[in-house]
Amino acid sequence: WDGGAGDADLFRPGLLAEPETFVILGRSADDTDRDTDTD
């Protein structure tokens, strides 16, 4: 989302505890080794 602007820290893990908040993402379907991909 940040695209290198330096504001990625805005989204903190506490958001994951909010039951009515859903962070939706679209991934490349061929991303079979996510652990080695920094983003």
All heavy atoms as atom14 arrays in JSON, in Angstrom:
{
  "sequence": "WDGGAGDADLFRPGLLAEPETFVILGRSADDTDRDTDTD",
  "atom14_mask": [
    [1, 1, 1, 1, 1, 1, 1, 1, 1, 1, 1, 1, 1, 1],
    [1, 1, 1, 1, 1, 1, 1, 1, 0, 0, 0, 0, 0, 0],
    [1, 1, 1, 1, 0, 0, 0, 0, 0, 0, 0, 0, 0, 0],
    [1, 1, 1, 1, 0, 0, 0, 0, 0, 0, 0, 0, 0, 0],
    [1, 1, 1, 1, 1, 0, 0, 0, 0, 0, 0, 0, 0, 0],
    [1, 1, 1, 1, 0, 0, 0, 0, 0, 0, 0, 0, 0, 0],
    [1, 1, 1, 1, 1, 1, 1, 1, 0, 0, 0, 0, 0, 0],
    [1, 1, 1, 1, 1, 0, 0, 0, 0, 0, 0, 0, 0, 0],
    [1, 1, 1, 1, 1, 1, 1, 1, 0, 0, 0, 0, 0, 0],
    [1, 1, 1, 1, 1, 1, 1, 1, 0, 0, 0, 0, 0, 0],
    [1, 1, 1, 1, 1, 1, 1, 1, 1, 1, 1, 0, 0, 0],
    [1, 1, 1, 1, 1, 1, 1, 1, 1, 1, 1, 0, 0, 0],
    [1, 1, 1, 1, 1, 1, 1, 0, 0, 0, 0, 0, 0, 0],
    [1, 1, 1, 1, 0, 0, 0, 0, 0, 0, 0, 0, 0, 0],
    [1, 1, 1, 1, 1, 1, 1, 1, 0, 0, 0, 0, 0, 0],
    [1, 1, 1, 1, 1, 1, 1, 1, 0, 0, 0, 0, 0, 0],
    [1, 1, 1, 1, 1, 0, 0, 0, 0, 0, 0, 0, 0, 0],
    [1, 1, 1, 1, 1, 1, 1, 1, 1, 0, 0, 0, 0, 0],
    [1, 1, 1, 1, 1, 1, 1, 0, 0, 0, 0, 0, 0, 0],
    [1, 1, 1, 1, 1, 1, 1, 1, 1, 0, 0, 0, 0, 0],
    [1, 1, 1, 1, 1, 1, 1, 0, 0, 0, 0, 0, 0, 0],
    [1, 1, 1, 1, 1, 1, 1, 1, 1, 1, 1, 0, 0, 0],
    [1, 1, 1, 1, 1, 1, 1, 0, 0, 0, 0, 0, 0, 0],
    [1, 1, 1, 1, 1, 1, 1, 1, 0, 0, 0, 0, 0, 0],
    [1, 1, 1, 1, 1, 1, 1, 1, 0, 0, 0, 0, 0, 0],
    [1, 1, 1, 1, 0, 0, 0, 0, 0, 0, 0, 0, 0, 0],
    [1, 1, 1, 1, 1, 1, 1, 1, 1, 1, 1, 0, 0, 0],
    [1, 1, 1, 1, 1, 1, 0, 0, 0, 0, 0, 0, 0, 0],
    [1, 1, 1, 1, 1, 0, 0, 0, 0, 0, 0, 0, 0, 0],
    [1, 1, 1, 1, 1, 1, 1, 1, 0, 0, 0, 0, 0, 0],
    [1, 1, 1, 1, 1, 1, 1, 1, 0, 0, 0, 0, 0, 0],
    [1, 1, 1, 1, 1, 1, 1, 0, 0, 0, 0, 0, 0, 0],
    [1, 1, 1, 1, 1, 1, 1, 1, 0, 0, 0, 0, 0, 0],
    [1, 1, 1, 1, 1, 1, 1, 1, 1, 1, 1, 0, 0, 0],
    [1, 1, 1, 1, 1, 1, 1, 1, 0, 0, 0, 0, 0, 0],
    [1, 1, 1, 1, 1, 1, 1, 0, 0, 0, 0, 0, 0, 0],
    [1, 1, 1, 1, 1, 1, 1, 1, 0, 0, 0, 0, 0, 0],
    [1, 1, 1, 1, 1, 1, 1, 0, 0, 0, 0, 0, 0, 0],
    [1, 1, 1, 1, 1, 1, 1, 1, 0, 0, 0, 0, 0, 0]
  ],
  "atom14_positions": [
    [[0.83, -1.21, 0.0], [0.0, 0.0, 0.0], [0.86, 1.25, 0.0], [0.59, 2.21, -0.71], [-0.9, -0.02, 1.24], [-1.56, 1.29, 1.54], [-2.71, 1.77, 1.01], [-1.08, 2.3, 2.45], [-3.0, 3.02, 1.54], [-2.01, 3.36, 2.42], [0.02, 2.39, 3.3], [-1.85, 4.51, 3.19], [0.17, 3.53, 4.07], [-0.75, 4.57, 4.02]],
    [[1.92, 1.25, 0.79], [2.77, 2.42, 0.97], [3.58, 2.76, -0.27], [3.82, 3.93, -0.57], [3.7, 2.18, 2.16], [4.63, 3.34, 2.41], [4.14, 4.44, 2.71], [5.86, 3.15, 2.32], [0.0, 0.0, 0.0], [0.0, 0.0, 0.0], [0.0, 0.0, 0.0], [0.0, 0.0, 0.0], [0.0, 0.0, 0.0], [0.0, 0.0, 0.0]],
    [[4.02, 1.74, -1.0], [4.78, 1.98, -2.22], [6.08, 2.72, -2.02], [6.52, 3.45, -2.91], [0.0, 0.0, 0.0], [0.0, 0.0, 0.0], [0.0, 0.0, 0.0], [0.0, 0.0, 0.0], [0.0, 0.0, 0.0], [0.0, 0.0, 0.0], [0.0, 0.0, 0.0], [0.0, 0.0, 0.0], [0.0, 0.0, 0.0], [0.0, 0.0, 0.0]],
    [[6.7, 2.56, -0.86], [7.99, 3.19, -0.61], [7.93, 4.59, -0.05], [8.97, 5.25, 0.08], [0.0, 0.0, 0.0], [0.0, 0.0, 0.0], [0.0, 0.0, 0.0], [0.0, 0.0, 0.0], [0.0, 0.0, 0.0], [0.0, 0.0, 0.0], [0.0, 0.0, 0.0], [0.0, 0.0, 0.0], [0.0, 0.0, 0.0], [0.0, 0.0, 0.0]],
    [[6.74, 5.08, 0.32], [6.61, 6.45, 0.83], [7.08, 6.59, 2.28], [7.26, 7.71, 2.76], [5.17, 6.92, 0.72], [0.0, 0.0, 0.0], [0.0, 0.0, 0.0], [0.0, 0.0, 0.0], [0.0, 0.0, 0.0], [0.0, 0.0, 0.0], [0.0, 0.0, 0.0], [0.0, 0.0, 0.0], [0.0, 0.0, 0.0], [0.0, 0.0, 0.0]],
    [[7.25, 5.48, 2.98], [7.74, 5.54, 4.35], [6.67, 5.54, 5.42], [6.97, 5.82, 6.58], [0.0, 0.0, 0.0], [0.0, 0.0, 0.0], [0.0, 0.0, 0.0], [0.0, 0.0, 0.0], [0.0, 0.0, 0.0], [0.0, 0.0, 0.0], [0.0, 0.0, 0.0], [0.0, 0.0, 0.0], [0.0, 0.0, 0.0], [0.0, 0.0, 0.0]],
    [[5.41, 5.22, 5.05], [4.32, 5.28, 6.02], [3.74, 3.91, 6.35], [2.65, 3.82, 6.92], [3.2, 6.18, 5.49], [3.65, 7.62, 5.3], [4.48, 8.08, 6.11], [3.17, 8.28, 4.35], [0.0, 0.0, 0.0], [0.0, 0.0, 0.0], [0.0, 0.0, 0.0], [0.0, 0.0, 0.0], [0.0, 0.0, 0.0], [0.0, 0.0, 0.0]],
    [[4.44, 2.84, 6.01], [3.9, 1.49, 6.23], [3.67, 1.2, 7.7], [2.78, 0.41, 8.06], [4.83, 0.45, 5.63], [0.0, 0.0, 0.0], [0.0, 0.0, 0.0], [0.0, 0.0, 0.0], [0.0, 0.0, 0.0], [0.0, 0.0, 0.0], [0.0, 0.0, 0.0], [0.0, 0.0, 0.0], [0.0, 0.0, 0.0], [0.0, 0.0, 0.0]],
    [[4.42, 1.84, 8.61], [4.28, 1.58, 10.04], [2.95, 2.09, 10.59], [2.6, 1.82, 11.75], [5.42, 2.22, 10.82], [6.74, 1.51, 10.58], [6.72, 0.36, 10.11], [7.8, 2.11, 10.86], [0.0, 0.0, 0.0], [0.0, 0.0, 0.0], [0.0, 0.0, 0.0], [0.0, 0.0, 0.0], [0.0, 0.0, 0.0], [0.0, 0.0, 0.0]],
    [[2.2, 2.82, 9.77], [0.89, 3.3, 10.19], [-0.03, 2.14, 10.56], [-0.85, 2.24, 11.47], [0.27, 4.12, 9.06], [-1.08, 4.78, 9.28], [-1.0, 5.82, 10.38], [-1.58, 5.41, 7.98], [0.0, 0.0, 0.0], [0.0, 0.0, 0.0], [0.0, 0.0, 0.0], [0.0, 0.0, 0.0], [0.0, 0.0, 0.0], [0.0, 0.0, 0.0]],
    [[0.12, 1.01, 9.86], [-0.77, -0.14, 10.05], [-0.11, -1.11, 11.04], [0.8, -1.85, 10.68], [-1.08, -0.8, 8.72], [-1.9, 0.07, 7.82], [-1.28, 0.98, 6.97], [-3.28, 0.04, 7.87], [-2.04, 1.82, 6.17], [-4.04, 0.88, 7.08], [-3.43, 1.77, 6.23], [0.0, 0.0, 0.0], [0.0, 0.0, 0.0], [0.0, 0.0, 0.0]],
    [[-0.59, -1.07, 12.28], [0.02, -1.82, 13.36], [-0.74, -3.12, 13.63], [-1.93, -3.24, 13.32], [0.04, -0.96, 14.62], [0.91, 0.29, 14.45], [0.97, 1.11, 15.72], [1.89, 2.24, 15.57], [2.14, 3.13, 16.52], [1.53, 3.02, 17.7], [2.98, 4.12, 16.3], [0.0, 0.0, 0.0], [0.0, 0.0, 0.0], [0.0, 0.0, 0.0]],
    [[-0.07, -4.1, 14.23], [-0.71, -5.4, 14.49], [-1.99, -5.31, 15.3], [-2.83, -6.21, 15.22], [0.38, -6.18, 15.23], [1.67, -5.6, 14.72], [1.39, -4.13, 14.55], [0.0, 0.0, 0.0], [0.0, 0.0, 0.0], [0.0, 0.0, 0.0], [0.0, 0.0, 0.0], [0.0, 0.0, 0.0], [0.0, 0.0, 0.0], [0.0, 0.0, 0.0]],
    [[-2.16, -4.25, 16.08], [-3.39, -4.1, 16.85], [-4.63, -4.11, 15.99], [-5.73, -4.44, 16.48], [0.0, 0.0, 0.0], [0.0, 0.0, 0.0], [0.0, 0.0, 0.0], [0.0, 0.0, 0.0], [0.0, 0.0, 0.0], [0.0, 0.0, 0.0], [0.0, 0.0, 0.0], [0.0, 0.0, 0.0], [0.0, 0.0, 0.0], [0.0, 0.0, 0.0]],
    [[-4.52, -3.75, 14.72], [-5.67, -3.79, 13.82], [-6.24, -5.2, 13.7], [-7.44, -5.38, 13.48], [-5.27, -3.29, 12.43], [-5.14, -1.79, 12.23], [-4.62, -1.51, 10.82], [-6.46, -1.09, 12.45], [0.0, 0.0, 0.0], [0.0, 0.0, 0.0], [0.0, 0.0, 0.0], [0.0, 0.0, 0.0], [0.0, 0.0, 0.0], [0.0, 0.0, 0.0]],
    [[-5.37, -6.2, 13.82], [-5.82, -7.58, 13.66], [-6.75, -8.01, 14.79], [-7.47, -9.0, 14.65], [-4.61, -8.51, 13.6], [-3.62, -8.23, 12.46], [-2.39, -9.12, 12.6], [-4.28, -8.43, 11.1], [0.0, 0.0, 0.0], [0.0, 0.0, 0.0], [0.0, 0.0, 0.0], [0.0, 0.0, 0.0], [0.0, 0.0, 0.0], [0.0, 0.0, 0.0]],
    [[-6.73, -7.29, 15.9], [-7.59, -7.62, 17.03], [-8.96, -6.95, 16.93], [-9.83, -7.19, 17.77], [-6.92, -7.2, 18.34], [0.0, 0.0, 0.0], [0.0, 0.0, 0.0], [0.0, 0.0, 0.0], [0.0, 0.0, 0.0], [0.0, 0.0, 0.0], [0.0, 0.0, 0.0], [0.0, 0.0, 0.0], [0.0, 0.0, 0.0], [0.0, 0.0, 0.0]],
    [[-9.16, -6.11, 15.91], [-10.43, -5.42, 15.74], [-11.39, -6.32, 14.97], [-11.19, -6.58, 13.78], [-10.23, -4.11, 14.99], [-9.36, -3.1, 15.72], [-10.06, -2.56, 16.97], [-11.31, -2.52, 17.0], [-9.34, -2.18, 17.91], [0.0, 0.0, 0.0], [0.0, 0.0, 0.0], [0.0, 0.0, 0.0], [0.0, 0.0, 0.0], [0.0, 0.0, 0.0]],
    [[-12.45, -6.81, 15.6], [-13.31, -7.81, 14.93], [-14.08, -7.28, 13.73], [-14.54, -8.08, 12.91], [-14.26, -8.25, 16.06], [-14.28, -7.1, 17.01], [-12.9, -6.51, 16.97], [0.0, 0.0, 0.0], [0.0, 0.0, 0.0], [0.0, 0.0, 0.0], [0.0, 0.0, 0.0], [0.0, 0.0, 0.0], [0.0, 0.0, 0.0], [0.0, 0.0, 0.0]],
    [[-14.23, -5.98, 13.62], [-14.99, -5.42, 12.51], [-14.1, -4.82, 11.43], [-14.58, -4.15, 10.53], [-15.98, -4.36, 13.02], [-16.87, -4.82, 14.16], [-17.71, -6.03, 13.8], [-17.99, -6.24, 12.61], [-18.09, -6.79, 14.72], [0.0, 0.0, 0.0], [0.0, 0.0, 0.0], [0.0, 0.0, 0.0], [0.0, 0.0, 0.0], [0.0, 0.0, 0.0]],
    [[-12.79, -5.03, 11.53], [-11.85, -4.5, 10.54], [-11.24, -5.66, 9.76], [-10.77, -6.63, 10.35], [-10.74, -3.69, 11.22], [-11.33, -2.59, 11.91], [-9.73, -3.16, 10.2], [0.0, 0.0, 0.0], [0.0, 0.0, 0.0], [0.0, 0.0, 0.0], [0.0, 0.0, 0.0], [0.0, 0.0, 0.0], [0.0, 0.0, 0.0], [0.0, 0.0, 0.0]],
    [[-11.23, -5.53, 8.43], [-10.74, -6.58, 7.55], [-9.77, -5.97, 6.54], [-10.18, -5.11, 5.75], [-11.9, -7.25, 6.81], [-12.93, -7.87, 7.72], [-13.87, -7.06, 8.38], [-12.95, -9.23, 7.95], [-14.81, -7.61, 9.23], [-13.9, -9.79, 8.8], [-14.82, -8.97, 9.44], [0.0, 0.0, 0.0], [0.0, 0.0, 0.0], [0.0, 0.0, 0.0]],
    [[-8.52, -6.38, 6.59], [-7.52, -5.89, 5.65], [-7.48, -6.88, 4.49], [-7.0, -8.0, 4.62], [-6.15, -5.76, 6.31], [-5.11, -5.28, 5.3], [-6.22, -4.79, 7.5], [0.0, 0.0, 0.0], [0.0, 0.0, 0.0], [0.0, 0.0, 0.0], [0.0, 0.0, 0.0], [0.0, 0.0, 0.0], [0.0, 0.0, 0.0], [0.0, 0.0, 0.0]],
    [[-8.03, -6.44, 3.36], [-8.17, -7.31, 2.18], [-6.96, -7.14, 1.29], [-6.5, -6.03, 1.04], [-9.45, -6.95, 1.42], [-10.69, -7.19, 2.3], [-9.56, -7.72, 0.11], [-11.96, -6.62, 1.73], [0.0, 0.0, 0.0], [0.0, 0.0, 0.0], [0.0, 0.0, 0.0], [0.0, 0.0, 0.0], [0.0, 0.0, 0.0], [0.0, 0.0, 0.0]],
    [[-6.44, -8.26, 0.79], [-5.28, -8.18, -0.09], [-5.47, -9.08, -1.29], [-6.17, -10.09, -1.24], [-4.02, -8.58, 0.67], [-4.05, -9.93, 1.41], [-3.23, -10.97, 0.66], [-3.49, -9.76, 2.82], [0.0, 0.0, 0.0], [0.0, 0.0, 0.0], [0.0, 0.0, 0.0], [0.0, 0.0, 0.0], [0.0, 0.0, 0.0], [0.0, 0.0, 0.0]],
    [[-4.87, -8.66, -2.39], [-4.82, -9.47, -3.59], [-3.39, -9.89, -3.84], [-2.48, -9.05, -3.83], [0.0, 0.0, 0.0], [0.0, 0.0, 0.0], [0.0, 0.0, 0.0], [0.0, 0.0, 0.0], [0.0, 0.0, 0.0], [0.0, 0.0, 0.0], [0.0, 0.0, 0.0], [0.0, 0.0, 0.0], [0.0, 0.0, 0.0], [0.0, 0.0, 0.0]],
    [[-3.18, -11.2, -4.01], [-1.84, -11.74, -4.24], [-1.74, -12.35, -5.62], [-2.75, -12.75, -6.21], [-1.52, -12.85, -3.24], [-1.3, -12.45, -1.8], [-0.85, -13.68, -1.03], [-0.7, -13.47, 0.4], [0.41, -13.02, 0.97], [1.45, -12.7, 0.24], [0.47, -12.88, 2.28], [0.0, 0.0, 0.0], [0.0, 0.0, 0.0], [0.0, 0.0, 0.0]],
    [[-0.53, -12.47, -6.11], [-0.28, -13.23, -7.32], [-0.53, -14.7, -7.02], [-0.03, -15.24, -6.02], [1.16, -13.04, -7.8], [1.39, -11.69, -8.13], [0.0, 0.0, 0.0], [0.0, 0.0, 0.0], [0.0, 0.0, 0.0], [0.0, 0.0, 0.0], [0.0, 0.0, 0.0], [0.0, 0.0, 0.0], [0.0, 0.0, 0.0], [0.0, 0.0, 0.0]],
    [[-1.31, -15.35, -7.85], [-1.66, -16.74, -7.61], [-0.46, -17.67, -7.66], [-0.48, -18.75, -7.09], [-2.71, -17.19, -8.63], [0.0, 0.0, 0.0], [0.0, 0.0, 0.0], [0.0, 0.0, 0.0], [0.0, 0.0, 0.0], [0.0, 0.0, 0.0], [0.0, 0.0, 0.0], [0.0, 0.0, 0.0], [0.0, 0.0, 0.0], [0.0, 0.0, 0.0]],
    [[0.6, -17.26, -8.35], [1.77, -18.13, -8.47], [2.79, -17.9, -7.36], [3.91, -18.38, -7.42], [2.46, -17.93, -9.82], [2.96, -16.51, -10.02], [2.68, -15.66, -9.14], [3.61, -16.26, -11.04], [0.0, 0.0, 0.0], [0.0, 0.0, 0.0], [0.0, 0.0, 0.0], [0.0, 0.0, 0.0], [0.0, 0.0, 0.0], [0.0, 0.0, 0.0]],
    [[2.35, -17.14, -6.29], [3.25, -16.87, -5.16], [3.3, -18.1, -4.27], [2.58, -18.2, -3.26], [2.73, -15.65, -4.39], [3.64, -15.28, -3.23], [4.79, -15.74, -3.21], [3.17, -14.54, -2.36], [0.0, 0.0, 0.0], [0.0, 0.0, 0.0], [0.0, 0.0, 0.0], [0.0, 0.0, 0.0], [0.0, 0.0, 0.0], [0.0, 0.0, 0.0]],
    [[4.13, -19.04, -4.6], [4.17, -20.31, -3.87], [5.18, -20.33, -2.75], [5.19, -21.25, -1.94], [4.5, -21.46, -4.84], [5.76, -21.18, -5.48], [3.42, -21.59, -5.9], [0.0, 0.0, 0.0], [0.0, 0.0, 0.0], [0.0, 0.0, 0.0], [0.0, 0.0, 0.0], [0.0, 0.0, 0.0], [0.0, 0.0, 0.0], [0.0, 0.0, 0.0]],
    [[6.06, -19.32, -2.68], [7.1, -19.3, -1.65], [7.12, -17.93, -1.0], [8.05, -17.15, -1.17], [8.46, -19.65, -2.25], [9.53, -19.85, -1.16], [9.14, -19.88, 0.03], [10.71, -19.96, -1.51], [0.0, 0.0, 0.0], [0.0, 0.0, 0.0], [0.0, 0.0, 0.0], [0.0, 0.0, 0.0], [0.0, 0.0, 0.0], [0.0, 0.0, 0.0]],
    [[6.05, -17.61, -0.24], [5.87, -16.27, 0.31], [6.94, -15.91, 1.32], [7.27, -14.75, 1.5], [4.48, -16.16, 0.95], [3.36, -16.34, -0.06], [2.01, -16.35, 0.61], [0.95, -16.59, -0.35], [-0.31, -16.78, -0.03], [-0.67, -16.77, 1.25], [-1.22, -17.0, -0.94], [0.0, 0.0, 0.0], [0.0, 0.0, 0.0], [0.0, 0.0, 0.0]],
    [[7.49, -16.92, 2.01], [8.46, -16.62, 3.07], [9.74, -16.0, 2.53], [10.48, -15.35, 3.26], [8.81, -17.89, 3.84], [7.65, -18.37, 4.7], [6.74, -17.56, 4.96], [7.66, -19.55, 5.08], [0.0, 0.0, 0.0], [0.0, 0.0, 0.0], [0.0, 0.0, 0.0], [0.0, 0.0, 0.0], [0.0, 0.0, 0.0], [0.0, 0.0, 0.0]],
    [[10.03, -16.2, 1.25], [11.26, -15.65, 0.7], [11.04, -14.33, -0.01], [11.97, -13.77, -0.56], [11.88, -16.65, -0.3], [11.0, -16.82, -1.42], [12.13, -18.0, 0.36], [0.0, 0.0, 0.0], [0.0, 0.0, 0.0], [0.0, 0.0, 0.0], [0.0, 0.0, 0.0], [0.0, 0.0, 0.0], [0.0, 0.0, 0.0], [0.0, 0.0, 0.0]],
    [[9.81, -13.84, -0.01], [9.47, -12.62, -0.74], [9.23, -11.51, 0.26], [8.33, -11.59, 1.09], [8.21, -12.86, -1.58], [8.03, -11.8, -2.65], [8.44, -10.66, -2.42], [7.49, -12.13, -3.72], [0.0, 0.0, 0.0], [0.0, 0.0, 0.0], [0.0, 0.0, 0.0], [0.0, 0.0, 0.0], [0.0, 0.0, 0.0], [0.0, 0.0, 0.0]],
    [[10.01, -10.44, 0.19], [9.98, -9.41, 1.23], [8.64, -8.69, 1.3], [8.28, -8.18, 2.35], [11.09, -8.37, 0.99], [10.95, -7.82, -0.31], [12.45, -9.03, 1.13], [0.0, 0.0, 0.0], [0.0, 0.0, 0.0], [0.0, 0.0, 0.0], [0.0, 0.0, 0.0], [0.0, 0.0, 0.0], [0.0, 0.0, 0.0], [0.0, 0.0, 0.0]],
    [[7.91, -8.59, 0.2], [6.63, -7.9, 0.28], [5.46, -8.85, 0.1], [4.32, -8.42, 0.02], [6.54, -6.76, -0.74], [6.49, -7.24, -2.18], [6.52, -8.46, -2.42], [6.42, -6.38, -3.06], [0.0, 0.0, 0.0], [0.0, 0.0, 0.0], [0.0, 0.0, 0.0], [0.0, 0.0, 0.0], [0.0, 0.0, 0.0], [0.0, 0.0, 0.0]]
  ]
}
